[in-house]
Amino acid sequence: MKCVKCRSQNVNIELMQSGGRTRKHGTGFGGKMNNTARGASAIATVGMSNLFWKKSKGTESMKYKAQKIALCQKCGHSWTVR
Protein backbone atom coordinates (compact mmCIF):
# COMPACT_ATOMS: atom_id res chain seq x y z
CA MET A 1 0.00 0.00 0.00
CA LYS A 2 1.21 3.51 -0.81
CA CYS A 3 0.65 6.77 1.02
CA VAL A 4 -1.81 8.99 -0.88
CA LYS A 5 0.18 12.10 0.01
CA CYS A 6 3.91 11.26 -0.41
CA ARG A 7 3.69 7.85 -2.23
CA SER A 8 5.85 6.13 0.42
CA GLN A 9 5.59 2.34 0.90
CA ASN A 10 6.16 2.62 4.69
CA VAL A 11 2.49 2.48 5.83
CA ASN A 12 0.96 0.85 8.94
CA ILE A 13 -2.68 -0.21 9.14
CA GLU A 14 -4.41 -0.30 12.53
CA LEU A 15 -7.91 -0.98 13.85
CA MET A 16 -9.15 1.89 16.02
CA GLN A 17 -12.38 2.34 17.93
CA SER A 18 -14.37 5.06 16.22
CA GLY A 19 -17.44 5.08 18.43
CA GLY A 20 -19.38 3.21 21.05
CA ARG A 21 -22.96 2.70 22.05
CA THR A 22 -24.49 1.75 25.39
CA ARG A 23 -27.63 -0.35 25.59
CA LYS A 24 -29.57 -0.40 28.84
CA HIS A 25 -32.25 -2.87 29.80
CA GLY A 26 -34.58 -2.24 32.74
CA THR A 27 -35.33 -4.48 35.68
CA GLY A 28 -38.75 -5.58 34.42
CA PHE A 29 -41.85 -6.36 36.48
CA GLY A 30 -40.14 -8.91 38.76
CA GLY A 31 -37.30 -6.52 39.56
CA LYS A 32 -39.70 -3.70 40.39
CA MET A 33 -41.70 -5.97 42.69
CA ASN A 34 -38.45 -7.05 44.36
CA ASN A 35 -37.43 -3.43 44.94
CA THR A 36 -40.91 -2.59 46.32
CA ALA A 37 -40.81 -5.51 48.75
CA ARG A 38 -37.25 -4.54 49.72
CA GLY A 39 -38.38 -1.00 50.51
CA ALA A 40 -41.34 -2.20 52.57
CA SER A 41 -39.16 -4.54 54.62
CA ALA A 42 -36.60 -1.76 55.09
CA ILE A 43 -39.28 0.45 56.64
CA ALA A 44 -40.40 -2.39 58.93
CA THR A 45 -36.86 -3.28 60.07
CA VAL A 46 -35.57 0.32 60.25
CA GLY A 47 -33.20 -0.26 57.32
CA MET A 48 -31.43 -3.36 58.72
CA SER A 49 -32.77 -5.61 55.93
CA ASN A 50 -30.90 -3.53 53.33
CA LEU A 51 -27.63 -4.96 54.63
CA PHE A 52 -28.62 -8.38 53.25
CA TRP A 53 -31.17 -7.73 50.49
CA LYS A 54 -29.63 -5.95 47.50
CA LYS A 55 -31.44 -3.76 45.00
CA SER A 56 -32.29 -5.19 41.57
CA LYS A 57 -30.49 -3.27 38.82
CA GLY A 58 -30.88 -3.32 35.07
CA THR A 59 -28.27 -4.65 32.70
CA GLU A 60 -25.95 -2.61 30.51
CA SER A 61 -23.91 -3.63 27.47
CA MET A 62 -21.43 -1.74 25.30
CA LYS A 63 -20.98 -2.17 21.56
CA TYR A 64 -17.98 -0.64 19.80
CA LYS A 65 -17.33 0.12 16.14
CA ALA A 66 -13.87 -0.52 14.71
CA GLN A 67 -12.38 1.35 11.77
CA LYS A 68 -9.27 0.62 9.70
CA ILE A 69 -6.87 3.56 9.64
CA ALA A 70 -3.65 3.72 7.64
CA LEU A 71 -0.76 5.82 8.93
CA CYS A 72 2.26 6.82 6.83
CA GLN A 73 5.49 6.46 8.80
CA LYS A 74 7.31 8.99 6.62
CA CYS A 75 5.00 12.02 6.48
CA GLY A 76 2.47 11.21 9.25
CA HIS A 77 -0.61 11.42 7.04
CA SER A 78 -3.53 9.20 8.11
CA TRP A 79 -6.63 8.07 6.21
CA THR A 80 -9.39 5.48 6.46
CA VAL A 81 -9.10 2.22 4.56
CA ARG A 82 -12.22 0.61 3.09
PDB file of N, CA and C in Angstrom:
ATOM      1  N   MET A   1       0.839  -1.168   0.000  1.00  0.00           N
ATOM      2  CA  MET A   1       0.000   0.000   0.000  1.00  0.00           C
ATOM      3  C   MET A   1       0.895   1.245   0.000  1.00  0.00           C
ATOM      4  N   LYS A   2       0.455   2.266  -0.711  1.00  0.00           N
ATOM      5  CA  LYS A   2       1.211   3.511  -0.809  1.00  0.00           C
ATOM      6  C   LYS A   2       0.459   4.640  -0.119  1.00  0.00           C
ATOM      7  N   CYS A   3       1.223   5.566   0.425  1.00  0.00           N
ATOM      8  CA  CYS A   3       0.646   6.772   1.021  1.00  0.00           C
ATOM      9  C   CYS A   3       0.045   7.623  -0.094  1.00  0.00           C
ATOM     10  N   VAL A   4      -1.142   8.174   0.146  1.00  0.00           N
ATOM     11  CA  VAL A   4      -1.807   8.985  -0.879  1.00  0.00           C
ATOM     12  C   VAL A   4      -1.199  10.379  -0.983  1.00  0.00           C
ATOM     13  N   LYS A   5      -0.402  10.769   0.010  1.00  0.00           N
ATOM     14  CA  LYS A   5       0.181  12.101   0.007  1.00  0.00           C
ATOM     15  C   LYS A   5       1.609  12.113  -0.547  1.00  0.00           C
ATOM     16  N   CYS A   6       2.493  11.221  -0.014  1.00  0.00           N
ATOM     17  CA  CYS A   6       3.909  11.261  -0.413  1.00  0.00           C
ATOM     18  C   CYS A   6       4.340  10.023  -1.210  1.00  0.00           C
ATOM     19  N   ARG A   7       3.432   9.083  -1.453  1.00  0.00           N
ATOM     20  CA  ARG A   7       3.686   7.851  -2.230  1.00  0.00           C
ATOM     21  C   ARG A   7       4.721   6.927  -1.592  1.00  0.00           C
ATOM     22  N   SER A   8       4.902   6.996  -0.292  1.00  0.00           N
ATOM     23  CA  SER A   8       5.849   6.134   0.415  1.00  0.00           C
ATOM     24  C   SER A   8       5.219   4.755   0.626  1.00  0.00           C
ATOM     25  N   GLN A   9       6.044   3.704   0.672  1.00  0.00           N
ATOM     26  CA  GLN A   9       5.585   2.341   0.905  1.00  0.00           C
ATOM     27  C   GLN A   9       5.531   2.010   2.402  1.00  0.00           C
ATOM     28  N   ASN A  10       6.072   2.867   3.255  1.00  0.00           N
ATOM     29  CA  ASN A  10       6.158   2.619   4.685  1.00  0.00           C
ATOM     30  C   ASN A  10       4.851   3.046   5.366  1.00  0.00           C
ATOM     31  N   VAL A  11       3.834   2.163   5.323  1.00  0.00           N
ATOM     32  CA  VAL A  11       2.494   2.475   5.829  1.00  0.00           C
ATOM     33  C   VAL A  11       2.063   1.388   6.810  1.00  0.00           C
ATOM     34  N   ASN A  12       1.527   1.779   7.964  1.00  0.00           N
ATOM     35  CA  ASN A  12       0.965   0.846   8.942  1.00  0.00           C
ATOM     36  C   ASN A  12      -0.553   0.964   8.923  1.00  0.00           C
ATOM     37  N   ILE A  13      -1.225  -0.189   9.067  1.00  0.00           N
ATOM     38  CA  ILE A  13      -2.678  -0.212   9.135  1.00  0.00           C
ATOM     39  C   ILE A  13      -3.073  -0.706  10.521  1.00  0.00           C
ATOM     40  N   GLU A  14      -3.973   0.030  11.177  1.00  0.00           N
ATOM     41  CA  GLU A  14      -4.414  -0.301  12.526  1.00  0.00           C
ATOM     42  C   GLU A  14      -5.933  -0.274  12.603  1.00  0.00           C
ATOM     43  N   LEU A  15      -6.491  -1.044  13.543  1.00  0.00           N
ATOM     44  CA  LEU A  15      -7.911  -0.977  13.849  1.00  0.00           C
ATOM     45  C   LEU A  15      -8.083  -0.071  15.064  1.00  0.00           C
ATOM     46  N   MET A  16      -8.908   0.949  14.919  1.00  0.00           N
ATOM     47  CA  MET A  16      -9.145   1.887  16.020  1.00  0.00           C
ATOM     48  C   MET A  16     -10.638   1.948  16.298  1.00  0.00           C
ATOM     49  N   GLN A  17     -10.985   2.198  17.560  1.00  0.00           N
ATOM     50  CA  GLN A  17     -12.385   2.342  17.928  1.00  0.00           C
ATOM     51  C   GLN A  17     -12.851   3.737  17.524  1.00  0.00           C
ATOM     52  N   SER A  18     -13.878   3.774  16.693  1.00  0.00           N
ATOM     53  CA  SER A  18     -14.368   5.062  16.217  1.00  0.00           C
ATOM     54  C   SER A  18     -15.578   5.545  17.004  1.00  0.00           C
ATOM     55  N   GLY A  19     -16.274   4.666  17.666  1.00  0.00           N
ATOM     56  CA  GLY A  19     -17.438   5.081  18.434  1.00  0.00           C
ATOM     57  C   GLY A  19     -18.001   3.926  19.220  1.00  0.00           C
ATOM     58  N   GLY A  20     -18.768   4.232  20.227  1.00  0.00           N
ATOM     59  CA  GLY A  20     -19.376   3.208  21.054  1.00  0.00           C
ATOM     60  C   GLY A  20     -20.821   3.546  21.352  1.00  0.00           C
ATOM     61  N   ARG A  21     -21.548   2.521  21.772  1.00  0.00           N
ATOM     62  CA  ARG A  21     -22.959   2.700  22.050  1.00  0.00           C
ATOM     63  C   ARG A  21     -23.321   1.875  23.278  1.00  0.00           C
ATOM     64  N   THR A  22     -24.077   2.443  24.176  1.00  0.00           N
ATOM     65  CA  THR A  22     -24.492   1.750  25.391  1.00  0.00           C
ATOM     66  C   THR A  22     -25.960   1.367  25.268  1.00  0.00           C
ATOM     67  N   ARG A  23     -26.247   0.113  25.570  1.00  0.00           N
ATOM     68  CA  ARG A  23     -27.627  -0.354  25.593  1.00  0.00           C
ATOM     69  C   ARG A  23     -27.987  -0.667  27.035  1.00  0.00           C
ATOM     70  N   LYS A  24     -29.109  -0.142  27.486  1.00  0.00           N
ATOM     71  CA  LYS A  24     -29.568  -0.397  28.839  1.00  0.00           C
ATOM     72  C   LYS A  24     -30.893  -1.136  28.796  1.00  0.00           C
ATOM     73  N   HIS A  25     -31.019  -2.121  29.669  1.00  0.00           N
ATOM     74  CA  HIS A  25     -32.253  -2.873  29.804  1.00  0.00           C
ATOM     75  C   HIS A  25     -32.735  -2.696  31.237  1.00  0.00           C
ATOM     76  N   GLY A  26     -34.025  -2.474  31.413  1.00  0.00           N
ATOM     77  CA  GLY A  26     -34.584  -2.238  32.736  1.00  0.00           C
ATOM     78  C   GLY A  26     -34.685  -3.509  33.567  1.00  0.00           C
ATOM     79  N   THR A  27     -35.222  -3.354  34.758  1.00  0.00           N
ATOM     80  CA  THR A  27     -35.333  -4.483  35.679  1.00  0.00           C
ATOM     81  C   THR A  27     -36.544  -5.342  35.380  1.00  0.00           C
ATOM     82  N   GLY A  28     -37.545  -4.814  34.731  1.00  0.00           N
ATOM     83  CA  GLY A  28     -38.749  -5.576  34.423  1.00  0.00           C
ATOM     84  C   GLY A  28     -39.708  -5.594  35.604  1.00  0.00           C
ATOM     85  N   PHE A  29     -40.815  -6.318  35.445  1.00  0.00           N
ATOM     86  CA  PHE A  29     -41.848  -6.357  36.480  1.00  0.00           C
ATOM     87  C   PHE A  29     -41.349  -7.051  37.748  1.00  0.00           C
ATOM     88  N   GLY A  30     -40.638  -8.165  37.594  1.00  0.00           N
ATOM     89  CA  GLY A  30     -40.141  -8.908  38.758  1.00  0.00           C
ATOM     90  C   GLY A  30     -39.131  -8.106  39.562  1.00  0.00           C
ATOM     91  N   GLY A  31     -38.280  -7.353  38.874  1.00  0.00           N
ATOM     92  CA  GLY A  31     -37.301  -6.525  39.564  1.00  0.00           C
ATOM     93  C   GLY A  31     -37.938  -5.368  40.303  1.00  0.00           C
ATOM     94  N   LYS A  32     -38.995  -4.794  39.721  1.00  0.00           N
ATOM     95  CA  LYS A  32     -39.699  -3.696  40.391  1.00  0.00           C
ATOM     96  C   LYS A  32     -40.451  -4.188  41.618  1.00  0.00           C
ATOM     97  N   MET A  33     -41.026  -5.390  41.518  1.00  0.00           N
ATOM     98  CA  MET A  33     -41.701  -5.968  42.687  1.00  0.00           C
ATOM     99  C   MET A  33     -40.687  -6.278  43.786  1.00  0.00           C
ATOM    100  N   ASN A  34     -39.505  -6.766  43.399  1.00  0.00           N
ATOM    101  CA  ASN A  34     -38.446  -7.050  44.360  1.00  0.00           C
ATOM    102  C   ASN A  34     -38.017  -5.771  45.069  1.00  0.00           C
ATOM    103  N   ASN A  35     -37.845  -4.697  44.336  1.00  0.00           N
ATOM    104  CA  ASN A  35     -37.433  -3.425  44.940  1.00  0.00           C
ATOM    105  C   ASN A  35     -38.524  -2.849  45.840  1.00  0.00           C
ATOM    106  N   THR A  36     -39.803  -3.057  45.478  1.00  0.00           N
ATOM    107  CA  THR A  36     -40.906  -2.592  46.316  1.00  0.00           C
ATOM    108  C   THR A  36     -40.950  -3.364  47.630  1.00  0.00           C
ATOM    109  N   ALA A  37     -40.807  -4.685  47.546  1.00  0.00           N
ATOM    110  CA  ALA A  37     -40.806  -5.514  48.754  1.00  0.00           C
ATOM    111  C   ALA A  37     -39.587  -5.193  49.619  1.00  0.00           C
ATOM    112  N   ARG A  38     -38.475  -4.911  48.997  1.00  0.00           N
ATOM    113  CA  ARG A  38     -37.254  -4.542  49.724  1.00  0.00           C
ATOM    114  C   ARG A  38     -37.463  -3.238  50.487  1.00  0.00           C
ATOM    115  N   GLY A  39     -38.103  -2.272  49.850  1.00  0.00           N
ATOM    116  CA  GLY A  39     -38.376  -0.998  50.506  1.00  0.00           C
ATOM    117  C   GLY A  39     -39.341  -1.147  51.668  1.00  0.00           C
ATOM    118  N   ALA A  40     -40.376  -1.990  51.498  1.00  0.00           N
ATOM    119  CA  ALA A  40     -41.339  -2.201  52.572  1.00  0.00           C
ATOM    120  C   ALA A  40     -40.678  -2.883  53.779  1.00  0.00           C
ATOM    121  N   SER A  41     -39.835  -3.862  53.513  1.00  0.00           N
ATOM    122  CA  SER A  41     -39.163  -4.540  54.623  1.00  0.00           C
ATOM    123  C   SER A  41     -38.121  -3.630  55.269  1.00  0.00           C
ATOM    124  N   ALA A  42     -37.554  -2.704  54.520  1.00  0.00           N
ATOM    125  CA  ALA A  42     -36.601  -1.755  55.093  1.00  0.00           C
ATOM    126  C   ALA A  42     -37.296  -0.815  56.062  1.00  0.00           C
ATOM    127  N   ILE A  43     -38.518  -0.420  55.735  1.00  0.00           N
ATOM    128  CA  ILE A  43     -39.279   0.451  56.641  1.00  0.00           C
ATOM    129  C   ILE A  43     -39.617  -0.316  57.924  1.00  0.00           C
ATOM    130  N   ALA A  44     -40.012  -1.588  57.761  1.00  0.00           N
ATOM    131  CA  ALA A  44     -40.404  -2.393  58.928  1.00  0.00           C
ATOM    132  C   ALA A  44     -39.219  -2.718  59.836  1.00  0.00           C
ATOM    133  N   THR A  45     -38.032  -2.894  59.264  1.00  0.00           N
ATOM    134  CA  THR A  45     -36.859  -3.281  60.066  1.00  0.00           C
ATOM    135  C   THR A  45     -35.901  -2.112  60.294  1.00  0.00           C
ATOM    136  N   VAL A  46     -36.349  -0.909  60.061  1.00  0.00           N
ATOM    137  CA  VAL A  46     -35.569   0.323  60.246  1.00  0.00           C
ATOM    138  C   VAL A  46     -34.255   0.259  59.449  1.00  0.00           C
ATOM    139  N   GLY A  47     -34.334  -0.256  58.229  1.00  0.00           N
ATOM    140  CA  GLY A  47     -33.195  -0.263  57.320  1.00  0.00           C
ATOM    141  C   GLY A  47     -32.203  -1.395  57.498  1.00  0.00           C
ATOM    142  N   MET A  48     -32.378  -2.255  58.482  1.00  0.00           N
ATOM    143  CA  MET A  48     -31.427  -3.355  58.718  1.00  0.00           C
ATOM    144  C   MET A  48     -31.490  -4.424  57.630  1.00  0.00           C
ATOM    145  N   SER A  49     -32.654  -4.585  56.970  1.00  0.00           N
ATOM    146  CA  SER A  49     -32.775  -5.606  55.928  1.00  0.00           C
ATOM    147  C   SER A  49     -31.976  -5.237  54.680  1.00  0.00           C
ATOM    148  N   ASN A  50     -31.668  -3.952  54.498  1.00  0.00           N
ATOM    149  CA  ASN A  50     -30.905  -3.526  53.325  1.00  0.00           C
ATOM    150  C   ASN A  50     -29.453  -3.988  53.378  1.00  0.00           C
ATOM    151  N   LEU A  51     -28.986  -4.423  54.539  1.00  0.00           N
ATOM    152  CA  LEU A  51     -27.630  -4.960  54.628  1.00  0.00           C
ATOM    153  C   LEU A  51     -27.518  -6.304  53.913  1.00  0.00           C
ATOM    154  N   PHE A  52     -28.633  -7.035  53.817  1.00  0.00           N
ATOM    155  CA  PHE A  52     -28.621  -8.384  53.248  1.00  0.00           C
ATOM    156  C   PHE A  52     -29.348  -8.491  51.917  1.00  0.00           C
ATOM    157  N   TRP A  53     -30.329  -7.633  51.681  1.00  0.00           N
ATOM    158  CA  TRP A  53     -31.167  -7.726  50.492  1.00  0.00           C
ATOM    159  C   TRP A  53     -30.767  -6.601  49.550  1.00  0.00           C
ATOM    160  N   LYS A  54     -30.158  -6.955  48.429  1.00  0.00           N
ATOM    161  CA  LYS A  54     -29.634  -5.946  47.500  1.00  0.00           C
ATOM    162  C   LYS A  54     -30.685  -5.527  46.476  1.00  0.00           C
ATOM    163  N   LYS A  55     -30.527  -4.339  45.973  1.00  0.00           N
ATOM    164  CA  LYS A  55     -31.442  -3.761  45.000  1.00  0.00           C
ATOM    165  C   LYS A  55     -31.250  -4.408  43.626  1.00  0.00           C
ATOM    166  N   SER A  56     -32.359  -4.656  42.932  1.00  0.00           N
ATOM    167  CA  SER A  56     -32.289  -5.186  41.570  1.00  0.00           C
ATOM    168  C   SER A  56     -31.941  -4.052  40.614  1.00  0.00           C
ATOM    169  N   LYS A  57     -30.923  -4.275  39.791  1.00  0.00           N
ATOM    170  CA  LYS A  57     -30.487  -3.269  38.824  1.00  0.00           C
ATOM    171  C   LYS A  57     -30.686  -3.804  37.417  1.00  0.00           C
ATOM    172  N   GLY A  58     -30.782  -2.930  36.470  1.00  0.00           N
ATOM    173  CA  GLY A  58     -30.880  -3.325  35.074  1.00  0.00           C
ATOM    174  C   GLY A  58     -29.527  -3.738  34.533  1.00  0.00           C
ATOM    175  N   THR A  59     -29.518  -4.237  33.324  1.00  0.00           N
ATOM    176  CA  THR A  59     -28.265  -4.650  32.696  1.00  0.00           C
ATOM    177  C   THR A  59     -27.820  -3.587  31.700  1.00  0.00           C
ATOM    178  N   GLU A  60     -26.535  -3.591  31.414  1.00  0.00           N
ATOM    179  CA  GLU A  60     -25.954  -2.610  30.505  1.00  0.00           C
ATOM    180  C   GLU A  60     -24.906  -3.313  29.643  1.00  0.00           C
ATOM    181  N   SER A  61     -24.913  -3.043  28.354  1.00  0.00           N
ATOM    182  CA  SER A  61     -23.913  -3.634  27.469  1.00  0.00           C
ATOM    183  C   SER A  61     -23.373  -2.570  26.521  1.00  0.00           C
ATOM    184  N   MET A  62     -22.090  -2.693  26.196  1.00  0.00           N
ATOM    185  CA  MET A  62     -21.433  -1.738  25.298  1.00  0.00           C
ATOM    186  C   MET A  62     -21.149  -2.423  23.967  1.00  0.00           C
ATOM    187  N   LYS A  63     -21.288  -1.678  22.898  1.00  0.00           N
ATOM    188  CA  LYS A  63     -20.979  -2.171  21.563  1.00  0.00           C
ATOM    189  C   LYS A  63     -20.099  -1.127  20.889  1.00  0.00           C
ATOM    190  N   TYR A  64     -18.942  -1.556  20.403  1.00  0.00           N
ATOM    191  CA  TYR A  64     -17.976  -0.640  19.799  1.00  0.00           C
ATOM    192  C   TYR A  64     -17.894  -0.864  18.296  1.00  0.00           C
ATOM    193  N   LYS A  65     -17.577   0.201  17.568  1.00  0.00           N
ATOM    194  CA  LYS A  65     -17.330   0.118  16.136  1.00  0.00           C
ATOM    195  C   LYS A  65     -15.839   0.270  15.898  1.00  0.00           C
ATOM    196  N   ALA A  66     -15.284  -0.593  15.053  1.00  0.00           N
ATOM    197  CA  ALA A  66     -13.867  -0.524  14.713  1.00  0.00           C
ATOM    198  C   ALA A  66     -13.718   0.011  13.292  1.00  0.00           C
ATOM    199  N   GLN A  67     -12.628   0.737  13.069  1.00  0.00           N
ATOM    200  CA  GLN A  67     -12.384   1.348  11.770  1.00  0.00           C
ATOM    201  C   GLN A  67     -10.917   1.145  11.408  1.00  0.00           C
ATOM    202  N   LYS A  68     -10.653   0.785  10.158  1.00  0.00           N
ATOM    203  CA  LYS A  68      -9.272   0.618   9.700  1.00  0.00           C
ATOM    204  C   LYS A  68      -8.695   1.980   9.339  1.00  0.00           C
ATOM    205  N   ILE A  69      -7.547   2.285   9.917  1.00  0.00           N
ATOM    206  CA  ILE A  69      -6.875   3.562   9.641  1.00  0.00           C
ATOM    207  C   ILE A  69      -5.445   3.279   9.239  1.00  0.00           C
ATOM    208  N   ALA A  70      -5.027   3.857   8.121  1.00  0.00           N
ATOM    209  CA  ALA A  70      -3.654   3.725   7.644  1.00  0.00           C
ATOM    210  C   ALA A  70      -2.871   4.961   8.061  1.00  0.00           C
ATOM    211  N   LEU A  71      -1.619   4.732   8.472  1.00  0.00           N
ATOM    212  CA  LEU A  71      -0.763   5.820   8.933  1.00  0.00           C
ATOM    213  C   LEU A  71       0.586   5.717   8.235  1.00  0.00           C
ATOM    214  N   CYS A  72       0.968   6.776   7.518  1.00  0.00           N
ATOM    215  CA  CYS A  72       2.256   6.824   6.831  1.00  0.00           C
ATOM    216  C   CYS A  72       3.344   7.112   7.856  1.00  0.00           C
ATOM    217  N   GLN A  73       4.395   6.297   7.852  1.00  0.00           N
ATOM    218  CA  GLN A  73       5.491   6.462   8.802  1.00  0.00           C
ATOM    219  C   GLN A  73       6.464   7.565   8.373  1.00  0.00           C
ATOM    220  N   LYS A  74       6.387   7.969   7.119  1.00  0.00           N
ATOM    221  CA  LYS A  74       7.307   8.989   6.615  1.00  0.00           C
ATOM    222  C   LYS A  74       6.776  10.407   6.831  1.00  0.00           C
ATOM    223  N   CYS A  75       5.532  10.664   6.391  1.00  0.00           N
ATOM    224  CA  CYS A  75       5.005  12.022   6.479  1.00  0.00           C
ATOM    225  C   CYS A  75       3.964  12.197   7.589  1.00  0.00           C
ATOM    226  N   GLY A  76       3.432  11.115   8.166  1.00  0.00           N
ATOM    227  CA  GLY A  76       2.470  11.208   9.255  1.00  0.00           C
ATOM    228  C   GLY A  76       1.028  11.370   8.827  1.00  0.00           C
ATOM    229  N   HIS A  77       0.765  11.275   7.545  1.00  0.00           N
ATOM    230  CA  HIS A  77      -0.605  11.416   7.036  1.00  0.00           C
ATOM    231  C   HIS A  77      -1.408  10.162   7.396  1.00  0.00           C
ATOM    232  N   SER A  78      -2.664  10.337   7.800  1.00  0.00           N
ATOM    233  CA  SER A  78      -3.534   9.196   8.111  1.00  0.00           C
ATOM    234  C   SER A  78      -4.823   9.300   7.311  1.00  0.00           C
ATOM    235  N   TRP A  79      -5.389   8.132   6.973  1.00  0.00           N
ATOM    236  CA  TRP A  79      -6.635   8.068   6.213  1.00  0.00           C
ATOM    237  C   TRP A  79      -7.325   6.755   6.504  1.00  0.00           C
ATOM    238  N   THR A  80      -8.628   6.694   6.220  1.00  0.00           N
ATOM    239  CA  THR A  80      -9.392   5.485   6.461  1.00  0.00           C
ATOM    240  C   THR A  80      -9.260   4.544   5.272  1.00  0.00           C
ATOM    241  N   VAL A  81      -9.226   3.248   5.584  1.00  0.00           N
ATOM    242  CA  VAL A  81      -9.105   2.218   4.561  1.00  0.00           C
ATOM    243  C   VAL A  81     -10.438   1.511   4.473  1.00  0.00           C
ATOM    244  N   ARG A  82     -10.939   1.292   3.277  1.00  0.00           N
ATOM    245  CA  ARG A  82     -12.220   0.608   3.090  1.00  0.00           C
ATOM    246  C   ARG A  82     -12.054  -0.864   2.990  1.00  0.00           C
TER     247      ARG A  82
END
